[in-house]
């Protein structure tokens, strides 16, 4: 074993007794999200550090978040690339036998008047907006909307009663259930964002990995997205980017 103050590296066989369906699989898509997630983890009973395991092409981390044992893995951004959410989660479910998958991260909001940086979007469903037929006169959307787990959605909706996370002394973060837009584009253009919302007026925000989460989990695991708003996809994504992303992921992790 190799250990430091935060991680201890072990062989997969040493902890394979955990792969019995009892681990919640937590997935992130950026280094910032991963670092923030690990800062929230506590070691499993019997260990002094977060467990780190190299297995195949993936690296897994094991610890406790809240009351639950979790396995964490990081995908790349998006749903369909080689290391994307669909490929990463499929491999992780097959290995760990997890029955619950939570994608934690950051997302864009759509209404500065009603939403704040750090409010948390909770997926009622995923709308994959990239799937479409583009004709001469009109565009026909073909993406199939995918509902999140009824169980997980119920549990997260009901934290509203007791959850308190303050963005400043007077502003409390909101939990916003929504139909989540999901696509491969990193949207940072007001006109394009508004077109997406015109096509899907009930949506309160969007992100890049959700379609892959659904595809990987369908019929295999309950799943949900919990993502903090870090920008409004309006061309200003680069202004104060890291500070806003930290506020967003902190809120999402607080809710989880």
C-alpha atoms as a PDB file:
ATOM      1  CA  UNK A   1       0.000   0.000   0.000  1.00  0.00           C
ATOM      2  CA  UNK A   2       1.031   3.581  -0.674  1.00  0.00           C
ATOM      3  CA  UNK A   3      -0.530   6.208   1.561  1.00  0.00           C
ATOM      4  CA  UNK A   4      -0.520   9.948   2.060  1.00  0.00           C
ATOM      5  CA  UNK A   5      -2.698  12.271   4.117  1.00  0.00           C
ATOM      6  CA  UNK A   6      -5.635  12.107   1.714  1.00  0.00           C
ATOM      7  CA  UNK A   7      -5.462   8.885  -0.341  1.00  0.00           C
ATOM      8  CA  UNK A   8      -4.409   5.302   0.120  1.00  0.00           C
ATOM      9  CA  UNK A   9      -3.816   3.151  -2.954  1.00  0.00           C
ATOM     10  CA  UNK A  10      -5.018  -0.450  -2.724  1.00  0.00           C
ATOM     11  CA  UNK A  11      -5.508  -3.361  -5.092  1.00  0.00           C
ATOM     12  CA  UNK A  12      -9.032  -3.924  -6.370  1.00  0.00           C
ATOM     13  CA  UNK A  13      -9.213  -7.410  -4.831  1.00  0.00           C
ATOM     14  CA  UNK A  14      -8.787  -5.932  -1.348  1.00  0.00           C
ATOM     15  CA  UNK A  15     -12.149  -4.146  -1.516  1.00  0.00           C
ATOM     16  CA  UNK A  16     -14.107  -6.308  -3.945  1.00  0.00           C
ATOM     17  CA  UNK A  17     -16.407  -7.263  -1.041  1.00  0.00           C
ATOM     18  CA  UNK A  18     -17.870  -3.748  -1.454  1.00  0.00           C
ATOM     19  CA  UNK A  19     -19.024  -4.496  -5.002  1.00  0.00           C
ATOM     20  CA  UNK A  20     -22.361  -5.894  -3.878  1.00  0.00           C
ATOM     21  CA  UNK A  21     -24.769  -3.197  -5.063  1.00  0.00           C
ATOM     22  CA  UNK A  22     -24.488  -1.119  -1.898  1.00  0.00           C
ATOM     23  CA  UNK A  23     -22.198   1.608  -3.220  1.00  0.00           C
ATOM     24  CA  UNK A  24     -23.700   4.807  -4.601  1.00  0.00           C
ATOM     25  CA  UNK A  25     -21.804   5.747  -7.753  1.00  0.00           C
ATOM     26  CA  UNK A  26     -20.980   9.461  -7.835  1.00  0.00           C
ATOM     27  CA  UNK A  27     -19.796  10.882 -11.150  1.00  0.00           C
ATOM     28  CA  UNK A  28     -18.159  14.211 -11.972  1.00  0.00           C
ATOM     29  CA  UNK A  29     -16.838  15.568 -15.282  1.00  0.00           C
ATOM     30  CA  UNK A  30     -14.174  18.162 -14.382  1.00  0.00           C
ATOM     31  CA  UNK A  31     -11.125  18.336 -12.147  1.00  0.00           C
ATOM     32  CA  UNK A  32     -12.695  21.141 -10.113  1.00  0.00           C
ATOM     33  CA  UNK A  33     -15.810  19.057  -9.460  1.00  0.00           C
ATOM     34  CA  UNK A  34     -13.667  16.079  -8.479  1.00  0.00           C
ATOM     35  CA  UNK A  35     -11.490  18.049  -6.054  1.00  0.00           C
ATOM     36  CA  UNK A  36     -14.542  19.568  -4.384  1.00  0.00           C
ATOM     37  CA  UNK A  37     -16.182  16.154  -4.108  1.00  0.00           C
ATOM     38  CA  UNK A  38     -13.127  14.588  -2.501  1.00  0.00           C
ATOM     39  CA  UNK A  39     -12.993  17.421   0.015  1.00  0.00           C
ATOM     40  CA  UNK A  40     -16.437  16.262   1.202  1.00  0.00           C
ATOM     41  CA  UNK A  41     -15.518  12.590   1.540  1.00  0.00           C
ATOM     42  CA  UNK A  42     -14.667  10.805   4.764  1.00  0.00           C
ATOM     43  CA  UNK A  43     -12.705   7.531   4.820  1.00  0.00           C
ATOM     44  CA  UNK A  44     -14.495   4.212   5.009  1.00  0.00           C
ATOM     45  CA  UNK A  45     -14.491   2.540   8.425  1.00  0.00           C
ATOM     46  CA  UNK A  46     -11.131   0.857   8.965  1.00  0.00           C
ATOM     47  CA  UNK A  47      -9.226   3.301   6.770  1.00  0.00           C
ATOM     48  CA  UNK A  48      -7.567   6.624   7.535  1.00  0.00           C
ATOM     49  CA  UNK A  49      -7.745   7.966   3.969  1.00  0.00           C
ATOM     50  CA  UNK A  50      -9.889   7.900   0.840  1.00  0.00           C
ATOM     51  CA  UNK A  51      -9.283   4.652  -1.034  1.00  0.00           C
ATOM     52  CA  UNK A  52      -7.873   4.983  -4.540  1.00  0.00           C
ATOM     53  CA  UNK A  53      -8.035   2.050  -6.967  1.00  0.00           C
ATOM     54  CA  UNK A  54      -6.706   1.765 -10.499  1.00  0.00           C
ATOM     55  CA  UNK A  55      -8.857  -0.695 -12.407  1.00  0.00           C
ATOM     56  CA  UNK A  56      -8.691  -1.093 -16.166  1.00  0.00           C
ATOM     57  CA  UNK A  57      -8.787   2.316 -17.806  1.00  0.00           C
ATOM     58  CA  UNK A  58     -10.526   4.000 -14.870  1.00  0.00           C
ATOM     59  CA  UNK A  59      -9.544   5.282 -11.426  1.00  0.00           C
ATOM     60  CA  UNK A  60     -12.035   4.867  -8.584  1.00  0.00           C
ATOM     61  CA  UNK A  61     -12.204   6.579  -5.198  1.00  0.00           C
ATOM     62  CA  UNK A  62     -14.084   5.135  -2.226  1.00  0.00           C
ATOM     63  CA  UNK A  63     -15.304   6.918   0.886  1.00  0.00           C
ATOM     64  CA  UNK A  64     -18.349   8.097   2.797  1.00  0.00           C
ATOM     65  CA  UNK A  65     -20.550  11.056   1.842  1.00  0.00           C
ATOM     66  CA  UNK A  66     -23.195  11.892   4.408  1.00  0.00           C
ATOM     67  CA  UNK A  67     -24.477   8.517   5.611  1.00  0.00           C
ATOM     68  CA  UNK A  68     -23.597   6.514   2.518  1.00  0.00           C
ATOM     69  CA  UNK A  69     -20.678   4.567   1.120  1.00  0.00           C
ATOM     70  CA  UNK A  70     -19.836   5.952  -2.297  1.00  0.00           C
ATOM     71  CA  UNK A  71     -17.579   5.164  -5.209  1.00  0.00           C
ATOM     72  CA  UNK A  72     -16.497   8.152  -7.254  1.00  0.00           C
ATOM     73  CA  UNK A  73     -15.288   8.210 -10.846  1.00  0.00           C
ATOM     74  CA  UNK A  74     -14.567  11.088 -13.210  1.00  0.00           C
ATOM     75  CA  UNK A  75     -15.604  11.100 -16.857  1.00  0.00           C
ATOM     76  CA  UNK A  76     -14.647  13.599 -19.512  1.00  0.00           C
ATOM     77  CA  UNK A  77     -17.068  16.360 -20.463  1.00  0.00           C
ATOM     78  CA  UNK A  78     -19.915  15.323 -22.753  1.00  0.00           C
ATOM     79  CA  UNK A  79     -21.849  12.123 -23.347  1.00  0.00           C
ATOM     80  CA  UNK A  80     -20.419  10.405 -26.413  1.00  0.00           C
ATOM     81  CA  UNK A  81     -16.622  10.739 -26.568  1.00  0.00           C
ATOM     82  CA  UNK A  82     -14.236   7.915 -25.637  1.00  0.00           C
ATOM     83  CA  UNK A  83     -14.040   8.876 -21.953  1.00  0.00           C
ATOM     84  CA  UNK A  84     -17.480  10.454 -21.729  1.00  0.00           C
ATOM     85  CA  UNK A  85     -20.231   9.853 -19.189  1.00  0.00           C
ATOM     86  CA  UNK A  86     -21.851   6.964 -21.086  1.00  0.00           C
ATOM     87  CA  UNK A  87     -18.650   4.942 -21.438  1.00  0.00           C
ATOM     88  CA  UNK A  88     -17.374   5.692 -17.931  1.00  0.00           C
ATOM     89  CA  UNK A  89     -20.657   4.938 -16.169  1.00  0.00           C
ATOM     90  CA  UNK A  90     -21.287   1.749 -18.123  1.00  0.00           C
ATOM     91  CA  UNK A  91     -17.884   0.402 -17.112  1.00  0.00           C
ATOM     92  CA  UNK A  92     -18.333   1.510 -13.491  1.00  0.00           C
ATOM     93  CA  UNK A  93     -21.788  -0.074 -13.123  1.00  0.00           C
ATOM     94  CA  UNK A  94     -20.511  -3.320 -14.590  1.00  0.00           C
ATOM     95  CA  UNK A  95     -17.578  -3.367 -12.153  1.00  0.00           C
ATOM     96  CA  UNK A  96     -19.176  -2.039  -8.975  1.00  0.00           C
ATOM     97  CA  UNK A  97     -22.746  -3.345  -9.415  1.00  0.00           C
ATOM     98  CA  UNK A  98     -24.056   0.031  -8.180  1.00  0.00           C
ATOM     99  CA  UNK A  99     -27.825   0.488  -8.222  1.00  0.00           C
ATOM    100  CA  UNK A 100     -27.777   4.266  -7.711  1.00  0.00           C
ATOM    101  CA  UNK A 101     -25.895   6.836  -9.824  1.00  0.00           C
ATOM    102  CA  UNK A 102     -25.686  10.541  -8.991  1.00  0.00           C
ATOM    103  CA  UNK A 103     -24.031  12.973 -11.395  1.00  0.00           C
ATOM    104  CA  UNK A 104     -22.836  15.972  -9.390  1.00  0.00           C
ATOM    105  CA  UNK A 105     -21.512  19.080 -11.079  1.00  0.00           C
ATOM    106  CA  UNK A 106     -22.113  22.449 -12.663  1.00  0.00           C
ATOM    107  CA  UNK A 107     -24.631  23.641 -15.247  1.00  0.00           C
ATOM    108  CA  UNK A 108     -25.929  26.763 -16.930  1.00  0.00           C
ATOM    109  CA  UNK A 109     -29.099  28.545 -15.900  1.00  0.00           C
ATOM    110  CA  UNK A 110     -31.424  30.535 -18.145  1.00  0.00           C
ATOM    111  CA  UNK A 111     -32.953  33.358 -16.091  1.00  0.00           C
ATOM    112  CA  UNK A 112     -30.822  35.831 -14.138  1.00  0.00           C
ATOM    113  CA  UNK A 113     -33.956  37.409 -12.733  1.00  0.00           C
ATOM    114  CA  UNK A 114     -35.170  34.229 -11.039  1.00  0.00           C
ATOM    115  CA  UNK A 115     -31.979  32.192 -10.615  1.00  0.00           C
ATOM    116  CA  UNK A 116     -28.738  32.813  -8.764  1.00  0.00           C
ATOM    117  CA  UNK A 117     -25.241  31.495  -9.237  1.00  0.00           C
ATOM    118  CA  UNK A 118     -25.217  28.579  -6.798  1.00  0.00           C
ATOM    119  CA  UNK A 119     -28.870  27.584  -7.105  1.00  0.00           C
ATOM    120  CA  UNK A 120     -29.116  23.826  -7.665  1.00  0.00           C
ATOM    121  CA  UNK A 121     -30.820  22.247 -10.670  1.00  0.00           C
ATOM    122  CA  UNK A 122     -32.297  18.820 -10.084  1.00  0.00           C
ATOM    123  CA  UNK A 123     -33.159  16.647 -13.079  1.00  0.00           C
ATOM    124  CA  UNK A 124     -36.804  15.689 -13.442  1.00  0.00           C
ATOM    125  CA  UNK A 125     -35.788  14.425 -16.865  1.00  0.00           C
ATOM    126  CA  UNK A 126     -33.101  14.786 -19.533  1.00  0.00           C
ATOM    127  CA  UNK A 127     -33.816  16.260 -22.966  1.00  0.00           C
ATOM    128  CA  UNK A 128     -31.062  15.371 -25.474  1.00  0.00           C
ATOM    129  CA  UNK A 129     -31.393  18.345 -27.801  1.00  0.00           C
ATOM    130  CA  UNK A 130     -28.634  17.346 -30.277  1.00  0.00           C
ATOM    131  CA  UNK A 131     -30.780  14.688 -31.931  1.00  0.00           C
ATOM    132  CA  UNK A 132     -32.686  16.426 -34.724  1.00  0.00           C
ATOM    133  CA  UNK A 133     -33.579  16.425 -38.403  1.00  0.00           C
ATOM    134  CA  UNK A 134     -32.576  19.682 -40.078  1.00  0.00           C
ATOM    135  CA  UNK A 135     -34.630  20.347 -43.199  1.00  0.00           C
ATOM    136  CA  UNK A 136     -34.910  23.270 -45.614  1.00  0.00           C
ATOM    137  CA  UNK A 137     -37.903  24.807 -43.878  1.00  0.00           C
ATOM    138  CA  UNK A 138     -37.886  23.446 -40.358  1.00  0.00           C
ATOM    139  CA  UNK A 139     -35.967  21.457 -37.779  1.00  0.00           C
ATOM    140  CA  UNK A 140     -37.596  18.407 -36.210  1.00  0.00           C
ATOM    141  CA  UNK A 141     -36.356  17.433 -32.754  1.00  0.00           C
ATOM    142  CA  UNK A 142     -35.913  13.689 -32.352  1.00  0.00           C
ATOM    143  CA  UNK A 143     -34.336  13.342 -28.918  1.00  0.00           C
ATOM    144  CA  UNK A 144     -36.347  11.152 -26.563  1.00  0.00           C
ATOM    145  CA  UNK A 145     -36.915  12.752 -23.164  1.00  0.00           C
ATOM    146  CA  UNK A 146     -35.726  10.455 -20.377  1.00  0.00           C
ATOM    147  CA  UNK A 147     -37.229  10.678 -16.849  1.00  0.00           C
ATOM    148  CA  UNK A 148     -34.941  10.529 -13.830  1.00  0.00           C
ATOM    149  CA  UNK A 149     -35.462   8.007 -11.040  1.00  0.00           C
ATOM    150  CA  UNK A 150     -38.776   8.568  -9.240  1.00  0.00           C
ATOM    151  CA  UNK A 151     -37.157   7.395  -6.002  1.00  0.00           C
ATOM    152  CA  UNK A 152     -34.196   9.779  -6.149  1.00  0.00           C
ATOM    153  CA  UNK A 153     -36.292  12.690  -7.388  1.00  0.00           C
ATOM    154  CA  UNK A 154     -38.662  12.203  -4.453  1.00  0.00           C
ATOM    155  CA  UNK A 155     -35.825  12.125  -1.927  1.00  0.00           C
ATOM    156  CA  UNK A 156     -34.131  15.221  -3.287  1.00  0.00           C
ATOM    157  CA  UNK A 157     -37.379  17.181  -3.637  1.00  0.00           C
ATOM    158  CA  UNK A 158     -38.067  16.597   0.045  1.00  0.00           C
ATOM    159  CA  UNK A 159     -34.782  18.029   1.294  1.00  0.00           C
ATOM    160  CA  UNK A 160     -36.327  21.442   0.616  1.00  0.00           C
ATOM    161  CA  UNK A 161     -37.910  21.233   4.045  1.00  0.00           C
ATOM    162  CA  UNK A 162     -34.622  21.106   5.939  1.00  0.00           C
ATOM    163  CA  UNK A 163     -31.823  22.031   3.506  1.00  0.00           C
ATOM    164  CA  UNK A 164     -30.163  25.374   4.144  1.00  0.00           C
ATOM    165  CA  UNK A 165     -27.215  26.508   2.080  1.00  0.00           C
ATOM    166  CA  UNK A 166     -26.477  30.227   2.014  1.00  0.00           C
ATOM    167  CA  UNK A 167     -24.790  31.918  -0.944  1.00  0.00           C
ATOM    168  CA  UNK A 168     -24.184  34.988   1.204  1.00  0.00           C
ATOM    169  CA  UNK A 169     -25.502  36.264   4.526  1.00  0.00           C
ATOM    170  CA  UNK A 170     -28.977  36.914   3.172  1.00  0.00           C
ATOM    171  CA  UNK A 171     -29.342  34.719   0.094  1.00  0.00           C
ATOM    172  CA  UNK A 172     -30.272  31.058   0.413  1.00  0.00           C
ATOM    173  CA  UNK A 173     -29.636  28.633  -2.456  1.00  0.00           C
ATOM    174  CA  UNK A 174     -32.752  27.266  -4.141  1.00  0.00           C
ATOM    175  CA  UNK A 175     -33.362  23.710  -5.286  1.00  0.00           C
ATOM    176  CA  UNK A 176     -34.949  23.825  -8.750  1.00  0.00           C
ATOM    177  CA  UNK A 177     -36.372  20.602 -10.260  1.00  0.00           C
ATOM    178  CA  UNK A 178     -36.342  20.888 -14.045  1.00  0.00           C
ATOM    179  CA  UNK A 179     -36.315  19.224 -17.426  1.00  0.00           C
ATOM    180  CA  UNK A 180     -32.582  19.361 -18.060  1.00  0.00           C
ATOM    181  CA  UNK A 181     -31.268  20.188 -21.536  1.00  0.00           C
ATOM    182  CA  UNK A 182     -28.286  18.001 -22.419  1.00  0.00           C
ATOM    183  CA  UNK A 183     -26.005  18.302 -25.442  1.00  0.00           C
ATOM    184  CA  UNK A 184     -22.414  18.101 -26.616  1.00  0.00           C
ATOM    185  CA  UNK A 185     -22.114  21.863 -27.043  1.00  0.00           C
ATOM    186  CA  UNK A 186     -20.491  24.076 -24.425  1.00  0.00           C
ATOM    187  CA  UNK A 187     -23.128  26.784 -24.717  1.00  0.00           C
ATOM    188  CA  UNK A 188     -21.952  30.359 -24.165  1.00  0.00           C
ATOM    189  CA  UNK A 189     -24.003  32.354 -26.639  1.00  0.00           C
ATOM    190  CA  UNK A 190     -27.153  34.198 -25.652  1.00  0.00           C
ATOM    191  CA  UNK A 191     -28.869  33.782 -29.000  1.00  0.00           C
ATOM    192  CA  UNK A 192     -28.230  30.061 -29.132  1.00  0.00           C
ATOM    193  CA  UNK A 193     -29.292  29.611 -25.509  1.00  0.00           C
ATOM    194  CA  UNK A 194     -32.520  31.483 -26.155  1.00  0.00           C
ATOM    195  CA  UNK A 195     -33.240  29.294 -29.178  1.00  0.00           C
ATOM    196  CA  UNK A 196     -32.823  26.180 -27.039  1.00  0.00           C
ATOM    197  CA  UNK A 197     -35.186  27.592 -24.444  1.00  0.00           C
ATOM    198  CA  UNK A 198     -37.698  28.608 -27.116  1.00  0.00           C
ATOM    199  CA  UNK A 199     -37.763  24.969 -28.244  1.00  0.00           C
ATOM    200  CA  UNK A 200     -38.004  23.763 -24.621  1.00  0.00           C
ATOM    201  CA  UNK A 201     -39.668  26.560 -22.600  1.00  0.00           C
ATOM    202  CA  UNK A 202     -40.092  24.448 -19.453  1.00  0.00           C
ATOM    203  CA  UNK A 203     -36.347  23.890 -19.049  1.00  0.00           C
ATOM    204  CA  UNK A 204     -34.511  25.892 -16.393  1.00  0.00           C
ATOM    205  CA  UNK A 205     -30.981  24.969 -17.503  1.00  0.00           C
ATOM    206  CA  UNK A 206     -28.597  22.695 -19.335  1.00  0.00           C
ATOM    207  CA  UNK A 207     -25.373  20.718 -19.264  1.00  0.00           C
ATOM    208  CA  UNK A 208     -23.337  18.191 -21.289  1.00  0.00           C
ATOM    209  CA  UNK A 209     -23.313  14.750 -19.619  1.00  0.00           C
ATOM    210  CA  UNK A 210     -26.914  13.893 -18.747  1.00  0.00           C
ATOM    211  CA  UNK A 211     -27.829  12.093 -21.969  1.00  0.00           C
ATOM    212  CA  UNK A 212     -24.929   9.720 -21.371  1.00  0.00           C
ATOM    213  CA  UNK A 213     -25.949   9.156 -17.747  1.00  0.00           C
ATOM    214  CA  UNK A 214     -29.418   8.102 -18.858  1.00  0.00           C
ATOM    215  CA  UNK A 215     -28.117   5.863 -21.649  1.00  0.00           C
ATOM    216  CA  UNK A 216     -25.663   4.101 -19.335  1.00  0.00           C
ATOM    217  CA  UNK A 217     -28.121   3.628 -16.460  1.00  0.00           C
ATOM    218  CA  UNK A 218     -31.310   2.768 -18.333  1.00  0.00           C
ATOM    219  CA  UNK A 219     -32.629  -0.498 -16.936  1.00  0.00           C
ATOM    220  CA  UNK A 220     -29.566  -0.946 -14.719  1.00  0.00           C
ATOM    221  CA  UNK A 221     -29.588   1.755 -12.028  1.00  0.00           C
ATOM    222  CA  UNK A 222     -31.589   4.640 -10.581  1.00  0.00           C
ATOM    223  CA  UNK A 223     -30.045   7.954 -11.622  1.00  0.00           C
ATOM    224  CA  UNK A 224     -30.327  11.699 -11.164  1.00  0.00           C
ATOM    225  CA  UNK A 225     -28.371  14.878 -11.932  1.00  0.00           C
ATOM    226  CA  UNK A 226     -27.634  17.423  -9.204  1.00  0.00           C
ATOM    227  CA  UNK A 227     -25.857  20.457 -10.640  1.00  0.00           C
ATOM    228  CA  UNK A 228     -25.223  23.979  -9.397  1.00  0.00           C
ATOM    229  CA  UNK A 229     -25.721  26.969 -11.687  1.00  0.00           C
ATOM    230  CA  UNK A 230     -22.340  28.509 -12.560  1.00  0.00           C
ATOM    231  CA  UNK A 231     -23.319  30.791 -15.466  1.00  0.00           C
ATOM    232  CA  UNK A 232     -26.158  31.713 -17.804  1.00  0.00           C
ATOM    233  CA  UNK A 233     -24.661  30.664 -21.170  1.00  0.00           C
ATOM    234  CA  UNK A 234     -24.890  34.291 -22.302  1.00  0.00           C
ATOM    235  CA  UNK A 235     -21.349  34.966 -23.543  1.00  0.00           C
ATOM    236  CA  UNK A 236     -19.930  35.795 -20.108  1.00  0.00           C
ATOM    237  CA  UNK A 237     -18.830  32.307 -19.073  1.00  0.00           C
ATOM    238  CA  UNK A 238     -15.180  33.357 -18.739  1.00  0.00           C
ATOM    239  CA  UNK A 239     -15.792  36.231 -16.293  1.00  0.00           C
ATOM    240  CA  UNK A 240     -14.995  35.087 -12.736  1.00  0.00           C
ATOM    241  CA  UNK A 241     -15.277  31.533 -14.048  1.00  0.00           C
ATOM    242  CA  UNK A 242     -13.503  29.553 -11.329  1.00  0.00           C
ATOM    243  CA  UNK A 243     -15.098  31.470  -8.460  1.00  0.00           C
ATOM    244  CA  UNK A 244     -18.584  30.923  -9.878  1.00  0.00           C
ATOM    245  CA  UNK A 245     -17.896  27.252 -10.547  1.00  0.00           C
ATOM    246  CA  UNK A 246     -16.715  26.757  -6.969  1.00  0.00           C
ATOM    247  CA  UNK A 247     -19.905  28.352  -5.634  1.00  0.00           C
ATOM    248  CA  UNK A 248     -21.971  26.104  -7.920  1.00  0.00           C
ATOM    249  CA  UNK A 249     -20.313  22.798  -7.065  1.00  0.00           C
ATOM    250  CA  UNK A 250     -20.312  23.643  -3.356  1.00  0.00           C
ATOM    251  CA  UNK A 251     -24.089  24.097  -3.493  1.00  0.00           C
ATOM    252  CA  UNK A 252     -24.619  20.863  -5.401  1.00  0.00           C
ATOM    253  CA  UNK A 253     -22.488  18.910  -2.940  1.00  0.00           C
ATOM    254  CA  UNK A 254     -24.292  20.509  -0.004  1.00  0.00           C
ATOM    255  CA  UNK A 255     -27.617  19.295  -1.408  1.00  0.00           C
ATOM    256  CA  UNK A 256     -26.212  15.795  -1.913  1.00  0.00           C
END
